[in-house]
Amino acid sequence: QVQLVESGGGLVQPGGSLKLSCAASGFAFSSYIMSWYRQAPGKEREFVADISRLGSTINYTDSVKGRFTISRDNAKNTVYLQMNSLKPEDTAVYYCNVRRFATMYWGQGTQVTVSS
């Protein structure tokens, strides 16, 4: 079965950095677009970034452009999200996502808190 396991979240000061990882299993990882989403308290889950199968096409939501970098290692079945210049408004639970046929799969999420 599809499994997505996020890690790397934590508490960081404004301006700091974190790198999230998502280890995938149960499907042909290199054949699918991988995405990161986030959900802040009291808000809907929102798209953050996605990356094509070979990493040639990448999209970001406007609020993270120039600060976040999505990447993938198909040999390790892992997708990453490097987050720099973090802001308090980046505080959220971050989720890894894959859409496989008509089904969206999610990990359990990893908490990112940006606070002084």
PDB file of N, CA and C in Angstrom:
ATOM      1  N   GLN A   1       0.842  -1.176   0.000  1.00  0.00           N
ATOM      2  CA  GLN A   1       0.000   0.000   0.000  1.00  0.00           C
ATOM      3  C   GLN A   1       0.889   1.241   0.000  1.00  0.00           C
ATOM      4  N   VAL A   2       0.303   2.337  -0.462  1.00  0.00           N
ATOM      5  CA  VAL A   2       1.045   3.589  -0.519  1.00  0.00           C
ATOM      6  C   VAL A   2       1.321   4.095   0.892  1.00  0.00           C
ATOM      7  N   GLN A   3       2.579   4.440   1.128  1.00  0.00           N
ATOM      8  CA  GLN A   3       2.958   5.053   2.399  1.00  0.00           C
ATOM      9  C   GLN A   3       3.835   6.266   2.129  1.00  0.00           C
ATOM     10  N   LEU A   4       3.527   7.333   2.837  1.00  0.00           N
ATOM     11  CA  LEU A   4       4.309   8.567   2.769  1.00  0.00           C
ATOM     12  C   LEU A   4       4.642   8.967   4.196  1.00  0.00           C
ATOM     13  N   VAL A   5       5.925   9.101   4.486  1.00  0.00           N
ATOM     14  CA  VAL A   5       6.350   9.410   5.846  1.00  0.00           C
ATOM     15  C   VAL A   5       7.210  10.663   5.837  1.00  0.00           C
ATOM     16  N   GLU A   6       6.649  11.735   6.409  1.00  0.00           N
ATOM     17  CA  GLU A   6       7.376  13.007   6.470  1.00  0.00           C
ATOM     18  C   GLU A   6       8.241  13.077   7.723  1.00  0.00           C
ATOM     19  N   SER A   7       9.308  13.847   7.626  1.00  0.00           N
ATOM     20  CA  SER A   7      10.173  14.103   8.769  1.00  0.00           C
ATOM     21  C   SER A   7      10.894  15.430   8.553  1.00  0.00           C
ATOM     22  N   GLY A   8      11.510  15.926   9.626  1.00  0.00           N
ATOM     23  CA  GLY A   8      12.330  17.126   9.517  1.00  0.00           C
ATOM     24  C   GLY A   8      11.718  18.398  10.065  1.00  0.00           C
ATOM     25  N   GLY A   9      10.471  18.330  10.514  1.00  0.00           N
ATOM     26  CA  GLY A   9       9.850  19.527  11.078  1.00  0.00           C
ATOM     27  C   GLY A   9      10.446  19.881  12.426  1.00  0.00           C
ATOM     28  N   GLY A  10      10.012  21.026  12.945  1.00  0.00           N
ATOM     29  CA  GLY A  10      10.500  21.458  14.252  1.00  0.00           C
ATOM     30  C   GLY A  10      10.220  22.917  14.494  1.00  0.00           C
ATOM     31  N   LEU A  11      10.844  23.428  15.551  1.00  0.00           N
ATOM     32  CA  LEU A  11      10.716  24.829  15.933  1.00  0.00           C
ATOM     33  C   LEU A  11      11.951  25.584  15.437  1.00  0.00           C
ATOM     34  N   VAL A  12      11.721  26.688  14.754  1.00  0.00           N
ATOM     35  CA  VAL A  12      12.833  27.473  14.213  1.00  0.00           C
ATOM     36  C   VAL A  12      12.501  28.951  14.359  1.00  0.00           C
ATOM     37  N   GLN A  13      13.517  29.759  14.514  1.00  0.00           N
ATOM     38  CA  GLN A  13      13.321  31.202  14.623  1.00  0.00           C
ATOM     39  C   GLN A  13      13.065  31.811  13.243  1.00  0.00           C
ATOM     40  N   PRO A  14      12.382  32.943  13.211  1.00  0.00           N
ATOM     41  CA  PRO A  14      12.210  33.639  11.915  1.00  0.00           C
ATOM     42  C   PRO A  14      13.559  33.871  11.250  1.00  0.00           C
ATOM     43  N   GLY A  15      13.586  33.632   9.947  1.00  0.00           N
ATOM     44  CA  GLY A  15      14.821  33.738   9.188  1.00  0.00           C
ATOM     45  C   GLY A  15      15.616  32.448   9.111  1.00  0.00           C
ATOM     46  N   GLY A  16      15.205  31.466   9.881  1.00  0.00           N
ATOM     47  CA  GLY A  16      15.919  30.201   9.902  1.00  0.00           C
ATOM     48  C   GLY A  16      15.535  29.279   8.758  1.00  0.00           C
ATOM     49  N   SER A  17      16.101  28.074   8.808  1.00  0.00           N
ATOM     50  CA  SER A  17      15.904  27.090   7.734  1.00  0.00           C
ATOM     51  C   SER A  17      15.555  25.723   8.310  1.00  0.00           C
ATOM     52  N   LEU A  18      14.829  24.966   7.519  1.00  0.00           N
ATOM     53  CA  LEU A  18      14.535  23.563   7.803  1.00  0.00           C
ATOM     54  C   LEU A  18      14.492  22.820   6.482  1.00  0.00           C
ATOM     55  N   LYS A  19      14.813  21.521   6.541  1.00  0.00           N
ATOM     56  CA  LYS A  19      14.668  20.682   5.359  1.00  0.00           C
ATOM     57  C   LYS A  19      13.762  19.522   5.707  1.00  0.00           C
ATOM     58  N   LEU A  20      12.645  19.437   5.006  1.00  0.00           N
ATOM     59  CA  LEU A  20      11.697  18.346   5.197  1.00  0.00           C
ATOM     60  C   LEU A  20      12.003  17.219   4.220  1.00  0.00           C
ATOM     61  N   SER A  21      11.731  16.006   4.671  1.00  0.00           N
ATOM     62  CA  SER A  21      11.882  14.836   3.819  1.00  0.00           C
ATOM     63  C   SER A  21      10.579  14.046   3.825  1.00  0.00           C
ATOM     64  N   CYS A  22      10.323  13.361   2.728  1.00  0.00           N
ATOM     65  CA  CYS A  22       9.163  12.476   2.640  1.00  0.00           C
ATOM     66  C   CYS A  22       9.620  11.185   1.979  1.00  0.00           C
ATOM     67  N   ALA A  23       9.621  10.112   2.757  1.00  0.00           N
ATOM     68  CA  ALA A  23       9.989   8.800   2.245  1.00  0.00           C
ATOM     69  C   ALA A  23       8.745   8.089   1.751  1.00  0.00           C
ATOM     70  N   ALA A  24       8.786   7.643   0.499  1.00  0.00           N
ATOM     71  CA  ALA A  24       7.625   7.025  -0.130  1.00  0.00           C
ATOM     72  C   ALA A  24       7.852   5.536  -0.359  1.00  0.00           C
ATOM     73  N   SER A  25       6.776   4.786  -0.306  1.00  0.00           N
ATOM     74  CA  SER A  25       6.841   3.361  -0.601  1.00  0.00           C
ATOM     75  C   SER A  25       5.479   2.873  -1.064  1.00  0.00           C
ATOM     76  N   GLY A  26       5.482   1.692  -1.701  1.00  0.00           N
ATOM     77  CA  GLY A  26       4.223   1.084  -2.116  1.00  0.00           C
ATOM     78  C   GLY A  26       3.744   1.467  -3.502  1.00  0.00           C
ATOM     79  N   PHE A  27       4.541   2.243  -4.220  1.00  0.00           N
ATOM     80  CA  PHE A  27       4.181   2.607  -5.586  1.00  0.00           C
ATOM     81  C   PHE A  27       5.457   2.976  -6.342  1.00  0.00           C
ATOM     82  N   ALA A  28       5.331   3.107  -7.657  1.00  0.00           N
ATOM     83  CA  ALA A  28       6.483   3.423  -8.500  1.00  0.00           C
ATOM     84  C   ALA A  28       6.780   4.921  -8.404  1.00  0.00           C
ATOM     85  N   PHE A  29       7.564   5.263  -7.415  1.00  0.00           N
ATOM     86  CA  PHE A  29       7.805   6.661  -7.050  1.00  0.00           C
ATOM     87  C   PHE A  29       8.210   7.520  -8.253  1.00  0.00           C
ATOM     88  N   SER A  30       9.103   7.040  -9.064  1.00  0.00           N
ATOM     89  CA  SER A  30       9.638   7.848 -10.168  1.00  0.00           C
ATOM     90  C   SER A  30       8.621   8.107 -11.270  1.00  0.00           C
ATOM     91  N   SER A  31       7.463   7.492 -11.176  1.00  0.00           N
ATOM     92  CA  SER A  31       6.443   7.652 -12.213  1.00  0.00           C
ATOM     93  C   SER A  31       5.414   8.716 -11.877  1.00  0.00           C
ATOM     94  N   TYR A  32       5.546   9.352 -10.713  1.00  0.00           N
ATOM     95  CA  TYR A  32       4.494  10.267 -10.264  1.00  0.00           C
ATOM     96  C   TYR A  32       5.034  11.629  -9.856  1.00  0.00           C
ATOM     97  N   ILE A  33       4.202  12.625 -10.133  1.00  0.00           N
ATOM     98  CA  ILE A  33       4.440  13.960  -9.593  1.00  0.00           C
ATOM     99  C   ILE A  33       4.280  13.891  -8.077  1.00  0.00           C
ATOM    100  N   MET A  34       5.179  14.543  -7.367  1.00  0.00           N
ATOM    101  CA  MET A  34       5.105  14.609  -5.909  1.00  0.00           C
ATOM    102  C   MET A  34       4.880  16.058  -5.480  1.00  0.00           C
ATOM    103  N   SER A  35       4.127  16.205  -4.404  1.00  0.00           N
ATOM    104  CA  SER A  35       3.736  17.545  -3.962  1.00  0.00           C
ATOM    105  C   SER A  35       3.923  17.694  -2.462  1.00  0.00           C
ATOM    106  N   TRP A  36       4.048  18.953  -2.052  1.00  0.00           N
ATOM    107  CA  TRP A  36       3.976  19.328  -0.644  1.00  0.00           C
ATOM    108  C   TRP A  36       2.788  20.281  -0.469  1.00  0.00           C
ATOM    109  N   TYR A  37       2.050  20.062   0.594  1.00  0.00           N
ATOM    110  CA  TYR A  37       0.960  20.936   1.013  1.00  0.00           C
ATOM    111  C   TYR A  37       1.208  21.315   2.462  1.00  0.00           C
ATOM    112  N   ARG A  38       0.478  22.308   2.935  1.00  0.00           N
ATOM    113  CA  ARG A  38       0.549  22.667   4.352  1.00  0.00           C
ATOM    114  C   ARG A  38      -0.817  23.121   4.841  1.00  0.00           C
ATOM    115  N   GLN A  39      -1.007  22.990   6.145  1.00  0.00           N
ATOM    116  CA  GLN A  39      -2.262  23.415   6.766  1.00  0.00           C
ATOM    117  C   GLN A  39      -1.949  24.129   8.067  1.00  0.00           C
ATOM    118  N   ALA A  40      -2.283  25.415   8.103  1.00  0.00           N
ATOM    119  CA  ALA A  40      -2.102  26.211   9.306  1.00  0.00           C
ATOM    120  C   ALA A  40      -3.342  26.080  10.181  1.00  0.00           C
ATOM    121  N   PRO A  41      -3.201  26.344  11.476  1.00  0.00           N
ATOM    122  CA  PRO A  41      -4.357  26.231  12.375  1.00  0.00           C
ATOM    123  C   PRO A  41      -5.523  27.089  11.902  1.00  0.00           C
ATOM    124  N   GLY A  42      -6.694  26.485  11.816  1.00  0.00           N
ATOM    125  CA  GLY A  42      -7.886  27.218  11.426  1.00  0.00           C
ATOM    126  C   GLY A  42      -8.003  27.530   9.960  1.00  0.00           C
ATOM    127  N   LYS A  43      -7.077  27.013   9.157  1.00  0.00           N
ATOM    128  CA  LYS A  43      -7.111  27.294   7.722  1.00  0.00           C
ATOM    129  C   LYS A  43      -7.204  25.999   6.925  1.00  0.00           C
ATOM    130  N   GLU A  44      -7.572  26.160   5.657  1.00  0.00           N
ATOM    131  CA  GLU A  44      -7.636  24.993   4.781  1.00  0.00           C
ATOM    132  C   GLU A  44      -6.226  24.576   4.351  1.00  0.00           C
ATOM    133  N   ARG A  45      -6.116  23.313   3.987  1.00  0.00           N
ATOM    134  CA  ARG A  45      -4.854  22.825   3.463  1.00  0.00           C
ATOM    135  C   ARG A  45      -4.570  23.512   2.128  1.00  0.00           C
ATOM    136  N   GLU A  46      -3.313  23.928   1.942  1.00  0.00           N
ATOM    137  CA  GLU A  46      -2.971  24.645   0.716  1.00  0.00           C
ATOM    138  C   GLU A  46      -1.751  24.037   0.046  1.00  0.00           C
ATOM    139  N   PHE A  47      -1.718  24.181  -1.263  1.00  0.00           N
ATOM    140  CA  PHE A  47      -0.596  23.717  -2.071  1.00  0.00           C
ATOM    141  C   PHE A  47       0.637  24.558  -1.781  1.00  0.00           C
ATOM    142  N   VAL A  48       1.788  23.886  -1.695  1.00  0.00           N
ATOM    143  CA  VAL A  48       3.053  24.594  -1.504  1.00  0.00           C
ATOM    144  C   VAL A  48       3.946  24.470  -2.740  1.00  0.00           C
ATOM    145  N   ALA A  49       4.177  23.228  -3.179  1.00  0.00           N
ATOM    146  CA  ALA A  49       5.085  23.010  -4.308  1.00  0.00           C
ATOM    147  C   ALA A  49       4.866  21.616  -4.870  1.00  0.00           C
ATOM    148  N   ASP A  50       5.213  21.448  -6.145  1.00  0.00           N
ATOM    149  CA  ASP A  50       5.252  20.106  -6.710  1.00  0.00           C
ATOM    150  C   ASP A  50       6.408  19.983  -7.688  1.00  0.00           C
ATOM    151  N   ILE A  51       6.719  18.720  -7.995  1.00  0.00           N
ATOM    152  CA  ILE A  51       7.876  18.430  -8.849  1.00  0.00           C
ATOM    153  C   ILE A  51       7.515  17.268  -9.761  1.00  0.00           C
ATOM    154  N   SER A  52       7.876  17.377 -11.019  1.00  0.00           N
ATOM    155  CA  SER A  52       7.559  16.345 -11.996  1.00  0.00           C
ATOM    156  C   SER A  52       8.419  15.108 -11.773  1.00  0.00           C
ATOM    157  N   ARG A  53       8.138  14.086 -12.556  1.00  0.00           N
ATOM    158  CA  ARG A  53       8.754  12.777 -12.332  1.00  0.00           C
ATOM    159  C   ARG A  53      10.280  12.821 -12.339  1.00  0.00           C
ATOM    160  N   LEU A  54      10.848  13.574 -13.264  1.00  0.00           N
ATOM    161  CA  LEU A  54      12.304  13.659 -13.364  1.00  0.00           C
ATOM    162  C   LEU A  54      12.847  14.977 -12.813  1.00  0.00           C
ATOM    163  N   GLY A  55      11.967  15.775 -12.254  1.00  0.00           N
ATOM    164  CA  GLY A  55      12.401  17.031 -11.639  1.00  0.00           C
ATOM    165  C   GLY A  55      12.564  18.180 -12.604  1.00  0.00           C
ATOM    166  N   SER A  56      12.116  18.013 -13.829  1.00  0.00           N
ATOM    167  CA  SER A  56      12.320  19.060 -14.825  1.00  0.00           C
ATOM    168  C   SER A  56      11.299  20.174 -14.731  1.00  0.00           C
ATOM    169  N   THR A  57      10.159  19.901 -14.127  1.00  0.00           N
ATOM    170  CA  THR A  57       9.113  20.921 -13.971  1.00  0.00           C
ATOM    171  C   THR A  57       8.759  21.060 -12.504  1.00  0.00           C
ATOM    172  N   ILE A  58       8.843  22.274 -12.016  1.00  0.00           N
ATOM    173  CA  ILE A  58       8.588  22.566 -10.603  1.00  0.00           C
ATOM    174  C   ILE A  58       7.653  23.769 -10.510  1.00  0.00           C
ATOM    175  N   ASN A  59       6.734  23.689  -9.575  1.00  0.00           N
ATOM    176  CA  ASN A  59       5.799  24.786  -9.335  1.00  0.00           C
ATOM    177  C   ASN A  59       5.788  25.123  -7.846  1.00  0.00           C
ATOM    178  N   TYR A  60       5.618  26.404  -7.557  1.00  0.00           N
ATOM    179  CA  TYR A  60       5.530  26.867  -6.172  1.00  0.00           C
ATOM    180  C   TYR A  60       4.338  27.809  -6.030  1.00  0.00           C
ATOM    181  N   THR A  61       3.756  27.824  -4.845  1.00  0.00           N
ATOM    182  CA  THR A  61       2.804  28.868  -4.558  1.00  0.00           C
ATOM    183  C   THR A  61       3.586  30.175  -4.397  1.00  0.00           C
ATOM    184  N   ASP A  62       2.931  31.279  -4.712  1.00  0.00           N
ATOM    185  CA  ASP A  62       3.649  32.558  -4.750  1.00  0.00           C
ATOM    186  C   ASP A  62       4.328  32.917  -3.432  1.00  0.00           C
ATOM    187  N   SER A  63       3.707  32.567  -2.337  1.00  0.00           N
ATOM    188  CA  SER A  63       4.219  33.006  -1.036  1.00  0.00           C
ATOM    189  C   SER A  63       5.544  32.359  -0.649  1.00  0.00           C
ATOM    190  N   VAL A  64       5.948  31.285  -1.329  1.00  0.00           N
ATOM    191  CA  VAL A  64       7.206  30.618  -0.973  1.00  0.00           C
ATOM    192  C   VAL A  64       8.274  30.726  -2.060  1.00  0.00           C
ATOM    193  N   LYS A  65       7.920  31.308  -3.186  1.00  0.00           N
ATOM    194  CA  LYS A  65       8.880  31.430  -4.286  1.00  0.00           C
ATOM    195  C   LYS A  65      10.115  32.197  -3.831  1.00  0.00           C
ATOM    196  N   GLY A  66      11.283  31.658  -4.186  1.00  0.00           N
ATOM    197  CA  GLY A  66      12.541  32.277  -3.803  1.00  0.00           C
ATOM    198  C   GLY A  66      13.027  31.896  -2.425  1.00  0.00           C
ATOM    199  N   ARG A  67      12.192  31.233  -1.638  1.00  0.00           N
ATOM    200  CA  ARG A  67      12.581  30.818  -0.282  1.00  0.00           C
ATOM    201  C   ARG A  67      12.605  29.301  -0.126  1.00  0.00           C
ATOM    202  N   PHE A  68      11.698  28.605  -0.783  1.00  0.00           N
ATOM    203  CA  PHE A  68      11.601  27.143  -0.665  1.00  0.00           C
ATOM    204  C   PHE A  68      12.104  26.492  -1.945  1.00  0.00           C
ATOM    205  N   THR A  69      12.679  25.305  -1.795  1.00  0.00           N
ATOM    206  CA  THR A  69      13.133  24.522  -2.941  1.00  0.00           C
ATOM    207  C   THR A  69      12.676  23.076  -2.775  1.00  0.00           C
ATOM    208  N   ILE A  70      11.934  22.588  -3.755  1.00  0.00           N
ATOM    209  CA  ILE A  70      11.518  21.185  -3.761  1.00  0.00           C
ATOM    210  C   ILE A  70      12.497  20.401  -4.626  1.00  0.00           C
ATOM    211  N   SER A  71      12.800  19.189  -4.200  1.00  0.00           N
ATOM    212  CA  SER A  71      13.683  18.322  -4.977  1.00  0.00           C
ATOM    213  C   SER A  71      13.287  16.871  -4.703  1.00  0.00           C
ATOM    214  N   ARG A  72      13.841  15.968  -5.492  1.00  0.00           N
ATOM    215  CA  ARG A  72      13.539  14.553  -5.306  1.00  0.00           C
ATOM    216  C   ARG A  72      14.755  13.716  -5.646  1.00  0.00           C
ATOM    217  N   ASP A  73      14.819  12.552  -5.011  1.00  0.00           N
ATOM    218  CA  ASP A  73      15.840  11.556  -5.294  1.00  0.00           C
ATOM    219  C   ASP A  73      15.104  10.262  -5.616  1.00  0.00           C
ATOM    220  N   ASN A  74      14.979   9.955  -6.888  1.00  0.00           N
ATOM    221  CA  ASN A  74      14.213   8.773  -7.291  1.00  0.00           C
ATOM    222  C   ASN A  74      14.891   7.473  -6.864  1.00  0.00           C
ATOM    223  N   ALA A  75      16.195   7.495  -6.678  1.00  0.00           N
ATOM    224  CA  ALA A  75      16.901   6.302  -6.214  1.00  0.00           C
ATOM    225  C   ALA A  75      16.562   5.996  -4.759  1.00  0.00           C
ATOM    226  N   LYS A  76      16.204   7.033  -4.007  1.00  0.00           N
ATOM    227  CA  LYS A  76      15.870   6.861  -2.594  1.00  0.00           C
ATOM    228  C   LYS A  76      14.369   6.949  -2.326  1.00  0.00           C
ATOM    229  N   ASN A  77      13.571   7.127  -3.386  1.00  0.00           N
ATOM    230  CA  ASN A  77      12.113   7.267  -3.222  1.00  0.00           C
ATOM    231  C   ASN A  77      11.772   8.352  -2.202  1.00  0.00           C
ATOM    232  N   THR A  78      12.450   9.481  -2.320  1.00  0.00           N
ATOM    233  CA  THR A  78      12.291  10.545  -1.342  1.00  0.00           C
ATOM    234  C   THR A  78      12.143  11.902  -2.044  1.00  0.00           C
ATOM    235  N   VAL A  79      11.235  12.702  -1.503  1.00  0.00           N
ATOM    236  CA  VAL A  79      11.069  14.075  -1.958  1.00  0.00           C
ATOM    237  C   VAL A  79      11.406  14.993  -0.788  1.00  0.00           C
ATOM    238  N   TYR A  80      11.998  16.134  -1.112  1.00  0.00           N
ATOM    239  CA  TYR A  80      12.478  17.058  -0.086  1.00  0.00           C
ATOM    240  C   TYR A  80      11.840  18.439  -0.258  1.00  0.00           C
ATOM    241  N   LEU A  81      11.844  19.190   0.829  1.00  0.00           N
ATOM    242  CA  LEU A  81      11.455  20.592   0.771  1.00  0.00           C
ATOM    243  C   LEU A  81      12.433  21.375   1.635  1.00  0.00           C
ATOM    244  N   GLN A  82      13.335  22.092   0.979  1.00  0.00           N
ATOM    245  CA  GLN A  82      14.267  22.968   1.675  1.00  0.00           C
ATOM    246  C   GLN A  82      13.580  24.307   1.885  1.00  0.00           C
ATOM    247  N   MET A  83      13.494  24.727   3.137  1.00  0.00           N
ATOM    248  CA  MET A  83      12.782  25.960   3.474  1.00  0.00           C
ATOM    249  C   MET A  83      13.763  26.936   4.108  1.00  0.00           C
ATOM    250  N   ASN A  84      13.984  28.050   3.454  1.00  0.00           N
ATOM    251  CA  ASN A  84      14.886  29.094   3.947  1.00  0.00           C
ATOM    252  C   ASN A  84      14.100  30.370   4.236  1.00  0.00           C
ATOM    253  N   SER A  85      14.737  31.257   4.972  1.00  0.00           N
ATOM    254  CA  SER A  85      14.111  32.548   5.301  1.00  0.00           C
ATOM    255  C   SER A  85      12.696  32.361   5.826  1.00  0.00           C
ATOM    256  N   LEU A  86      12.555  31.460   6.747  1.00  0.00           N
ATOM    257  CA  LEU A  86      11.222  31.121   7.254  1.00  0.00           C
ATOM    258  C   LEU A  86      10.582  32.289   7.981  1.00  0.00           C
ATOM    259  N   LYS A  87       9.267  32.378   7.849  1.00  0.00           N
ATOM    260  CA  LYS A  87       8.465  33.438   8.452  1.00  0.00           C
ATOM    261  C   LYS A  87       7.431  32.826   9.391  1.00  0.00           C
ATOM    262  N   PRO A  88       6.950  33.587  10.352  1.00  0.00           N
ATOM    263  CA  PRO A  88       5.911  33.039  11.237  1.00  0.00           C
ATOM    264  C   PRO A  88       4.697  32.524  10.462  1.00  0.00           C
ATOM    265  N   GLU A  89       4.380  33.131   9.357  1.00  0.00           N
ATOM    266  CA  GLU A  89       3.225  32.675   8.575  1.00  0.00           C
ATOM    267  C   GLU A  89       3.464  31.357   7.856  1.00  0.00           C
ATOM    268  N   ASP A  90       4.679  30.844   7.910  1.00  0.00           N
ATOM    269  CA  ASP A  90       4.957  29.501   7.370  1.00  0.00           C
ATOM    270  C   ASP A  90       4.614  28.411   8.388  1.00  0.00           C
ATOM    271  N   THR A  91       4.258  28.796   9.584  1.00  0.00           N
ATOM    272  CA  THR A  91       3.884  27.825  10.610  1.00  0.00           C
ATOM    273  C   THR A  91       2.676  27.010  10.163  1.00  0.00           C
ATOM    274  N   ALA A  92       2.834  25.689  10.149  1.00  0.00           N
ATOM    275  CA  ALA A  92       1.779  24.795   9.658  1.00  0.00           C
ATOM    276  C   ALA A  92       2.236  23.355   9.817  1.00  0.00           C
ATOM    277  N   VAL A  93       1.303  22.454   9.605  1.00  0.00           N
ATOM    278  CA  VAL A  93       1.654  21.048   9.409  1.00  0.00           C
ATOM    279  C   VAL A  93       1.884  20.853   7.916  1.00  0.00           C
ATOM    280  N   TYR A  94       3.031  20.292   7.580  1.00  0.00           N
ATOM    281  CA  TYR A  94       3.401  20.098   6.175  1.00  0.00           C
ATOM    282  C   TYR A  94       3.181  18.633   5.795  1.00  0.00           C
ATOM    283  N   TYR A  95       2.514  18.451   4.668  1.00  0.00           N
ATOM    284  CA  TYR A  95       2.130  17.118   4.198  1.00  0.00           C
ATOM    285  C   TYR A  95       2.737  16.822   2.829  1.00  0.00           C
ATOM    286  N   CYS A  96       3.189  15.613   2.693  1.00  0.00           N
ATOM    287  CA  CYS A  96       3.621  15.079   1.411  1.00  0.00           C
ATOM    288  C   CYS A  96       2.394  14.483   0.715  1.00  0.00           C
ATOM    289  N   ASN A  97       2.387  14.555  -0.605  1.00  0.00           N
ATOM    290  CA  ASN A  97       1.197  14.111  -1.343  1.00  0.00           C
ATOM    291  C   ASN A  97       1.578  13.492  -2.675  1.00  0.00           C
ATOM    292  N   VAL A  98       0.837  12.462  -3.037  1.00  0.00           N
ATOM    293  CA  VAL A  98       0.906  11.914  -4.388  1.00  0.00           C
ATOM    294  C   VAL A  98      -0.507  11.629  -4.849  1.00  0.00           C
ATOM    295  N   ARG A  99      -0.765  11.981  -6.107  1.00  0.00           N
ATOM    296  CA  ARG A  99      -2.051  11.634  -6.699  1.00  0.00           C
ATOM    297  C   ARG A  99      -1.831  10.449  -7.623  1.00  0.00           C
ATOM    298  N   ARG A 100      -2.453   9.357  -7.270  1.00  0.00           N
ATOM    299  CA  ARG A 100      -2.275   8.121  -8.015  1.00  0.00           C
ATOM    300  C   ARG A 100      -3.637   7.695  -8.539  1.00  0.00           C
ATOM    301  N   PHE A 101      -3.805   7.743  -9.851  1.00  0.00           N
ATOM    302  CA  PHE A 101      -5.107   7.548 -10.488  1.00  0.00           C
ATOM    303  C   PHE A 101      -6.067   8.590  -9.926  1.00  0.00           C
ATOM    304  N   ALA A 102      -7.158   8.261  -9.347  1.00  0.00           N
ATOM    305  CA  ALA A 102      -8.115   9.257  -8.861  1.00  0.00           C
ATOM    306  C   ALA A 102      -8.004   9.472  -7.360  1.00  0.00           C
ATOM    307  N   THR A 103      -6.966   8.930  -6.755  1.00  0.00           N
ATOM    308  CA  THR A 103      -6.860   8.975  -5.293  1.00  0.00           C
ATOM    309  C   THR A 103      -5.680   9.836  -4.864  1.00  0.00           C
ATOM    310  N   MET A 104      -5.928  10.708  -3.894  1.00  0.00           N
ATOM    311  CA  MET A 104      -4.876  11.511  -3.287  1.00  0.00           C
ATOM    312  C   MET A 104      -4.395  10.802  -2.020  1.00  0.00           C
ATOM    313  N   TYR A 105      -3.104  10.616  -1.919  1.00  0.00           N
ATOM    314  CA  TYR A 105      -2.528   9.985  -0.737  1.00  0.00           C
ATOM    315  C   TYR A 105      -1.745  11.033   0.052  1.00  0.00           C
ATOM    316  N   TRP A 106      -1.829  10.922   1.362  1.00  0.00           N
ATOM    317  CA  TRP A 106      -1.193  11.878   2.256  1.00  0.00           C
ATOM    318  C   TRP A 106      -0.355  11.163   3.303  1.00  0.00           C
ATOM    319  N   GLY A 107       0.709  11.829   3.729  1.00  0.00           N
ATOM    320  CA  GLY A 107       1.437  11.352   4.887  1.00  0.00           C
ATOM    321  C   GLY A 107       0.755  11.840   6.151  1.00  0.00           C
ATOM    322  N   GLN A 108       1.409  11.579   7.294  1.00  0.00           N
ATOM    323  CA  GLN A 108       0.828  11.972   8.574  1.00  0.00           C
ATOM    324  C   GLN A 108       1.115  13.434   8.894  1.00  0.00           C
ATOM    325  N   GLY A 109       2.041  14.018   8.174  1.00  0.00           N
ATOM    326  CA  GLY A 109       2.381  15.419   8.365  1.00  0.00           C
ATOM    327  C   GLY A 109       3.516  15.623   9.353  1.00  0.00           C
ATOM    328  N   THR A 110       4.196  16.749   9.214  1.00  0.00           N
ATOM    329  CA  THR A 110       5.244  17.139  10.152  1.00  0.00           C
ATOM    330  C   THR A 110       5.052  18.611  10.502  1.00  0.00           C
ATOM    331  N   GLN A 111       5.115  18.905  11.789  1.00  0.00           N
ATOM    332  CA  GLN A 111       4.835  20.258  12.265  1.00  0.00           C
ATOM    333  C   GLN A 111       6.041  21.158  12.074  1.00  0.00           C
ATOM    334  N   VAL A 112       5.801  22.322  11.495  1.00  0.00           N
ATOM    335  CA  VAL A 112       6.816  23.366  11.377  1.00  0.00           C
ATOM    336  C   VAL A 112       6.294  24.590  12.125  1.00  0.00           C
ATOM    337  N   THR A 113       7.057  25.043  13.100  1.00  0.00           N
ATOM    338  CA  THR A 113       6.681  26.220  13.871  1.00  0.00           C
ATOM    339  C   THR A 113       7.789  27.258  13.766  1.00  0.00           C
ATOM    340  N   VAL A 114       7.421  28.436  13.309  1.00  0.00           N
ATOM    341  CA  VAL A 114       8.381  29.525  13.156  1.00  0.00           C
ATOM    342  C   VAL A 114       8.035  30.600  14.186  1.00  0.00           C
ATOM    343  N   SER A 115       8.889  30.719  15.182  1.00  0.00           N
ATOM    344  CA  SER A 115       8.590  31.626  16.285  1.00  0.00           C
ATOM    345  C   SER A 115       9.872  32.016  16.998  1.00  0.00           C
ATOM    346  N   SER A 116       9.890  33.234  17.519  1.00  0.00           N
ATOM    347  CA  SER A 116      11.029  33.674  18.316  1.00  0.00           C
ATOM    348  C   SER A 116      10.771  33.425  19.797  1.00  0.00           C
TER     349      SER A 116
END
